[in-house]
C-alpha atoms as a PDB file:
ATOM      1  CA  MET A   1       9.300   3.371  -2.783  1.00  0.00           C
ATOM      2  CA  ARG A   2      10.464   5.814  -0.190  1.00  0.00           C
ATOM      3  CA  LEU A   3       8.419   7.089   2.747  1.00  0.00           C
ATOM      4  CA  ASN A   4       8.378  10.790   3.425  1.00  0.00           C
ATOM      5  CA  SER A   5       9.607  11.743   6.902  1.00  0.00           C
ATOM      6  CA  PHE A   6       6.093  12.641   8.126  1.00  0.00           C
ATOM      7  CA  SER A   7       4.776   9.164   7.274  1.00  0.00           C
ATOM      8  CA  ASP A   8       7.825   7.522   8.822  1.00  0.00           C
ATOM      9  CA  VAL A   9       7.453   9.440  12.096  1.00  0.00           C
ATOM     10  CA  SER A  10       3.714   8.767  12.188  1.00  0.00           C
ATOM     11  CA  LEU A  11       4.190   5.016  11.775  1.00  0.00           C
ATOM     12  CA  ARG A  12       6.880   4.964  14.473  1.00  0.00           C
ATOM     13  CA  ILE A  13       4.566   6.853  16.861  1.00  0.00           C
ATOM     14  CA  LEU A  14       1.810   4.305  16.248  1.00  0.00           C
ATOM     15  CA  MET A  15       4.230   1.442  16.883  1.00  0.00           C
ATOM     16  CA  VAL A  16       5.436   2.956  20.171  1.00  0.00           C
ATOM     17  CA  LEU A  17       1.878   3.541  21.344  1.00  0.00           C
ATOM     18  CA  CYS A  18       0.883   0.040  20.310  1.00  0.00           C
ATOM     19  CA  VAL A  19       3.315  -1.609  22.732  1.00  0.00           C
ATOM     20  CA  ALA A  20       2.483   0.723  25.624  1.00  0.00           C
ATOM     21  CA  PRO A  21       0.059  -0.632  28.234  1.00  0.00           C
ATOM     22  CA  GLU A  22      -3.498   0.336  27.238  1.00  0.00           C
ATOM     23  CA  ALA A  23      -4.124   2.408  30.369  1.00  0.00           C
ATOM     24  CA  ASP A  24      -0.915   4.441  30.009  1.00  0.00           C
ATOM     25  CA  LEU A  25      -0.848   7.833  28.340  1.00  0.00           C
ATOM     26  CA  SER A  26       2.271   9.064  26.573  1.00  0.00           C
ATOM     27  CA  THR A  27       3.139  12.723  26.245  1.00  0.00           C
ATOM     28  CA  THR A  28       4.274  14.189  22.964  1.00  0.00           C
ATOM     29  CA  ARG A  29       7.694  14.835  24.507  1.00  0.00           C
ATOM     30  CA  GLU A  30       8.002  11.191  25.543  1.00  0.00           C
ATOM     31  CA  LEU A  31       7.042  10.125  22.029  1.00  0.00           C
ATOM     32  CA  ALA A  32       9.591  12.500  20.521  1.00  0.00           C
ATOM     33  CA  ASP A  33      12.302  10.926  22.676  1.00  0.00           C
ATOM     34  CA  ALA A  34      11.087   7.406  21.899  1.00  0.00           C
ATOM     35  CA  VAL A  35      11.172   7.866  18.124  1.00  0.00           C
ATOM     36  CA  GLY A  36      14.241  10.130  18.057  1.00  0.00           C
ATOM     37  CA  THR A  37      12.487  12.986  16.292  1.00  0.00           C
ATOM     38  CA  PRO A  38      12.129  16.689  17.187  1.00  0.00           C
ATOM     39  CA  TYR A  39       9.104  17.587  19.305  1.00  0.00           C
ATOM     40  CA  ASN A  40       7.608  19.898  16.646  1.00  0.00           C
ATOM     41  CA  HIS A  41       7.503  17.111  14.054  1.00  0.00           C
ATOM     42  CA  VAL A  42       5.992  14.659  16.516  1.00  0.00           C
ATOM     43  CA  SER A  43       3.318  17.138  17.659  1.00  0.00           C
ATOM     44  CA  LYS A  44       2.202  17.647  14.024  1.00  0.00           C
ATOM     45  CA  ALA A  45       2.064  13.891  13.478  1.00  0.00           C
ATOM     46  CA  VAL A  46       0.114  13.390  16.722  1.00  0.00           C
ATOM     47  CA  LEU A  47      -2.431  15.989  15.586  1.00  0.00           C
ATOM     48  CA  LYS A  48      -2.903  14.259  12.221  1.00  0.00           C
ATOM     49  CA  LEU A  49      -3.132  10.789  13.783  1.00  0.00           C
ATOM     50  CA  ARG A  50      -5.774  12.104  16.200  1.00  0.00           C
ATOM     51  CA  GLN A  51      -7.745  13.601  13.308  1.00  0.00           C
ATOM     52  CA  MET A  52      -7.586  10.215  11.596  1.00  0.00           C
ATOM     53  CA  GLY A  53      -9.012   8.533  14.720  1.00  0.00           C
ATOM     54  CA  LEU A  54      -5.921   6.361  15.199  1.00  0.00           C
ATOM     55  CA  ILE A  55      -5.007   7.871  18.563  1.00  0.00           C
ATOM     56  CA  GLU A  56      -6.935   9.708  21.231  1.00  0.00           C
ATOM     57  CA  ALA A  57      -5.641  12.684  23.177  1.00  0.00           C
ATOM     58  CA  PHE A  58      -6.411  13.836  26.688  1.00  0.00           C
ATOM     59  CA  ARG A  59      -5.627  17.350  27.863  1.00  0.00           C
ATOM     60  CA  GLY A  60      -4.504  18.505  31.248  1.00  0.00           C
ATOM     61  CA  ARG A  61      -1.768  17.870  33.720  1.00  0.00           C
ATOM     62  CA  SER A  62      -2.061  14.099  33.536  1.00  0.00           C
ATOM     63  CA  GLY A  63      -2.970  14.102  29.844  1.00  0.00           C
ATOM     64  CA  GLY A  64      -1.345  12.430  26.915  1.00  0.00           C
ATOM     65  CA  VAL A  65      -2.166  10.197  23.986  1.00  0.00           C
ATOM     66  CA  ARG A  66      -2.857   6.530  23.430  1.00  0.00           C
ATOM     67  CA  ILE A  67      -3.648   4.383  20.449  1.00  0.00           C
ATOM     68  CA  THR A  68      -7.267   3.512  19.672  1.00  0.00           C
ATOM     69  CA  ALA A  69      -8.630   0.148  18.557  1.00  0.00           C
ATOM     70  CA  ALA A  70      -8.861   1.631  15.061  1.00  0.00           C
ATOM     71  CA  GLY A  71      -5.175   2.543  15.294  1.00  0.00           C
ATOM     72  CA  ARG A  72      -4.180  -0.966  16.331  1.00  0.00           C
ATOM     73  CA  ASN A  73      -6.196  -2.504  13.479  1.00  0.00           C
ATOM     74  CA  ALA A  74      -5.268   0.051  10.820  1.00  0.00           C
ATOM     75  CA  THR A  75      -3.206  -1.264   7.950  1.00  0.00           C
ATOM     76  CA  VAL A  76       0.110   0.273   7.021  1.00  0.00           C
ATOM     77  CA  GLY A  77      -1.098   0.669   3.439  1.00  0.00           C
ATOM     78  CA  GLY A  78      -4.227   2.514   4.554  1.00  0.00           C
ATOM     79  CA  VAL A  79      -2.287   4.849   6.833  1.00  0.00           C
ATOM     80  CA  LEU A  80       0.311   5.609   4.156  1.00  0.00           C
ATOM     81  CA  ARG A  81      -2.325   6.373   1.539  1.00  0.00           C
ATOM     82  CA  ILE A  82      -3.710   9.102   3.805  1.00  0.00           C
ATOM     83  CA  LEU A  83      -0.355  10.451   4.984  1.00  0.00           C
ATOM     84  CA  SER A  84       1.486  10.487   1.661  1.00  0.00           C
ATOM     85  CA  ASP A  85       1.801  13.709  -0.267  1.00  0.00           C
ATOM     86  CA  HIS A  86       0.261  12.097  -3.391  1.00  0.00           C
ATOM     87  CA  SER A  87       2.775  13.737  -5.690  1.00  0.00           C
ATOM     88  CA  ASP A  88       3.715  11.916  -8.861  1.00  0.00           C
ATOM     89  CA  VAL A  89       6.611   9.531  -8.506  1.00  0.00           C
ATOM     90  CA  ALA A  90       8.093  10.871 -11.752  1.00  0.00           C
ATOM     91  CA  GLN A  91       8.996  14.545 -11.988  1.00  0.00           C
ATOM     92  CA  CYS A  92       6.968  15.536 -15.052  1.00  0.00           C
ATOM     93  CA  HIS A  93       6.766  19.187 -14.064  1.00  0.00           C
ATOM     94  CA  GLY A  94       9.832  21.104 -12.956  1.00  0.00           C
ATOM     95  CA  SER A  95      11.343  24.547 -12.617  1.00  0.00           C
ATOM     96  CA  MET A  96      12.560  24.291 -16.236  1.00  0.00           C
ATOM     97  CA  GLY A  97       9.037  23.507 -17.481  1.00  0.00           C
ATOM     98  CA  ASP A  98       7.214  20.320 -18.355  1.00  0.00           C
ATOM     99  CA  CYS A  99       9.079  17.255 -19.561  1.00  0.00           C
ATOM    100  CA  PRO A 100       9.090  17.213 -23.376  1.00  0.00           C
ATOM    101  CA  LEU A 101       8.255  13.488 -23.326  1.00  0.00           C
ATOM    102  CA  MET A 102       4.975  13.988 -21.411  1.00  0.00           C
ATOM    103  CA  PRO A 103       2.556  13.657 -24.359  1.00  0.00           C
ATOM    104  CA  ALA A 104       3.773  10.163 -25.285  1.00  0.00           C
ATOM    105  CA  CYS A 105       5.307   8.948 -22.021  1.00  0.00           C
ATOM    106  CA  GLY A 106       3.980   5.957 -20.125  1.00  0.00           C
ATOM    107  CA  LEU A 107       6.433   6.204 -17.237  1.00  0.00           C
ATOM    108  CA  ARG A 108       4.228   8.362 -15.005  1.00  0.00           C
ATOM    109  CA  GLY A 109       1.320   5.917 -15.127  1.00  0.00           C
ATOM    110  CA  VAL A 110       3.519   2.867 -14.598  1.00  0.00           C
ATOM    111  CA  LEU A 111       5.228   4.434 -11.568  1.00  0.00           C
ATOM    112  CA  ASN A 112       1.906   5.499 -10.030  1.00  0.00           C
ATOM    113  CA  HIS A 113       0.647   1.940 -10.548  1.00  0.00           C
ATOM    114  CA  ALA A 114       3.781   0.626  -8.801  1.00  0.00           C
ATOM    115  CA  ARG A 115       3.138   2.964  -5.856  1.00  0.00           C
ATOM    116  CA  GLU A 116      -0.387   1.583  -5.509  1.00  0.00           C
ATOM    117  CA  ALA A 117       1.014  -1.984  -5.645  1.00  0.00           C
ATOM    118  CA  PHE A 118       3.358  -0.945  -2.801  1.00  0.00           C
ATOM    119  CA  TYR A 119       0.352   0.209  -0.743  1.00  0.00           C
ATOM    120  CA  VAL A 120      -1.623  -2.938  -1.598  1.00  0.00           C
ATOM    121  CA  SER A 121       1.228  -5.110  -0.312  1.00  0.00           C
ATOM    122  CA  LEU A 122       1.108  -3.129   2.945  1.00  0.00           C
ATOM    123  CA  ASP A 123      -2.675  -3.525   3.242  1.00  0.00           C
ATOM    124  CA  GLN A 124      -1.930  -6.966   4.685  1.00  0.00           C
ATOM    125  CA  VAL A 125       0.097  -5.522   7.583  1.00  0.00           C
ATOM    126  CA  THR A 126      -1.618  -4.052  10.644  1.00  0.00           C
ATOM    127  CA  ILE A 127      -0.006  -1.554  12.976  1.00  0.00           C
ATOM    128  CA  SER A 128      -0.287  -4.016  15.869  1.00  0.00           C
ATOM    129  CA  SER A 129       1.591  -6.687  13.916  1.00  0.00           C
ATOM    130  CA  LEU A 130       4.579  -4.369  13.475  1.00  0.00           C
ATOM    131  CA  SER A 131       5.277  -4.398  17.183  1.00  0.00           C
ATOM    132  CA  GLU A 132       4.722  -8.076  17.919  1.00  0.00           C
ATOM    133  CA  PRO A 133       7.716 -10.161  18.882  1.00  0.00           C
ATOM    134  CA  PRO A 134       8.704 -12.576  16.132  1.00  0.00           C
ATOM    135  CA  THR A 135       7.066 -15.984  16.460  1.00  0.00           C
ATOM    136  CA  SER A 136      10.105 -17.726  15.075  1.00  0.00           C
ATOM    137  CA  GLY A 137      13.627 -16.816  14.347  1.00  0.00           C
ATOM    138  CA  PRO A 138      17.156 -17.330  15.500  1.00  0.00           C
ATOM    139  CA  ILE A 139      17.708 -18.876  18.873  1.00  0.00           C
ATOM    140  CA  THR A 140      20.448 -17.407  21.004  1.00  0.00           C
ATOM    141  CA  VAL A 141      22.927 -20.050  22.102  1.00  0.00           C
ATOM    142  CA  THR A 142      25.723 -19.404  24.564  1.00  0.00           C
ATOM    143  CA  LEU A 143      28.796 -21.527  24.104  1.00  0.00           C
ATOM    144  CA  ASN A 144      31.245 -22.183  26.879  1.00  0.00           C
ATOM    145  CA  THR A 145      34.659 -21.316  25.531  1.00  0.00           C
ATOM    146  CA  SER A 146      36.670 -22.440  28.543  1.00  0.00           C
ATOM    147  CA  ARG A 147      38.758 -25.544  27.994  1.00  0.00           C
ATOM    148  CA  VAL A 148      38.297 -28.581  30.139  1.00  0.00           C
ATOM    149  CA  HIS A 149      41.548 -30.398  31.015  1.00  0.00           C
END
């Protein structure tokens, strides 16, 4: 499955806000720089995330946004279900007309089922867990390469 760019940017914004100190507010410009995305795209994502209750926004000179408790606890699957465009995975309708196989085709249903399985697998992952340092993994070891004589 492939994320659309709006969903990708929205998830990255949530991750950035999740690691920021709770009292700090981030501006939309700062978020745009942090996620490497144009300001206009980030401002649209911020608006949608605010409407979803995942972030809160404060206006004014010292305003900005921060993640809410709901945003920290939201699952990736839940967020993606809301942000996705819900178009069929298979292109059954096109500029040349409908696919001639549509009446007897099972592909559309199978692919939509696979998309839901993708979301279900992400229902186990919270936004806050995406930004946690790994609990285990490779250990960095520095070797002395100078020769002792």
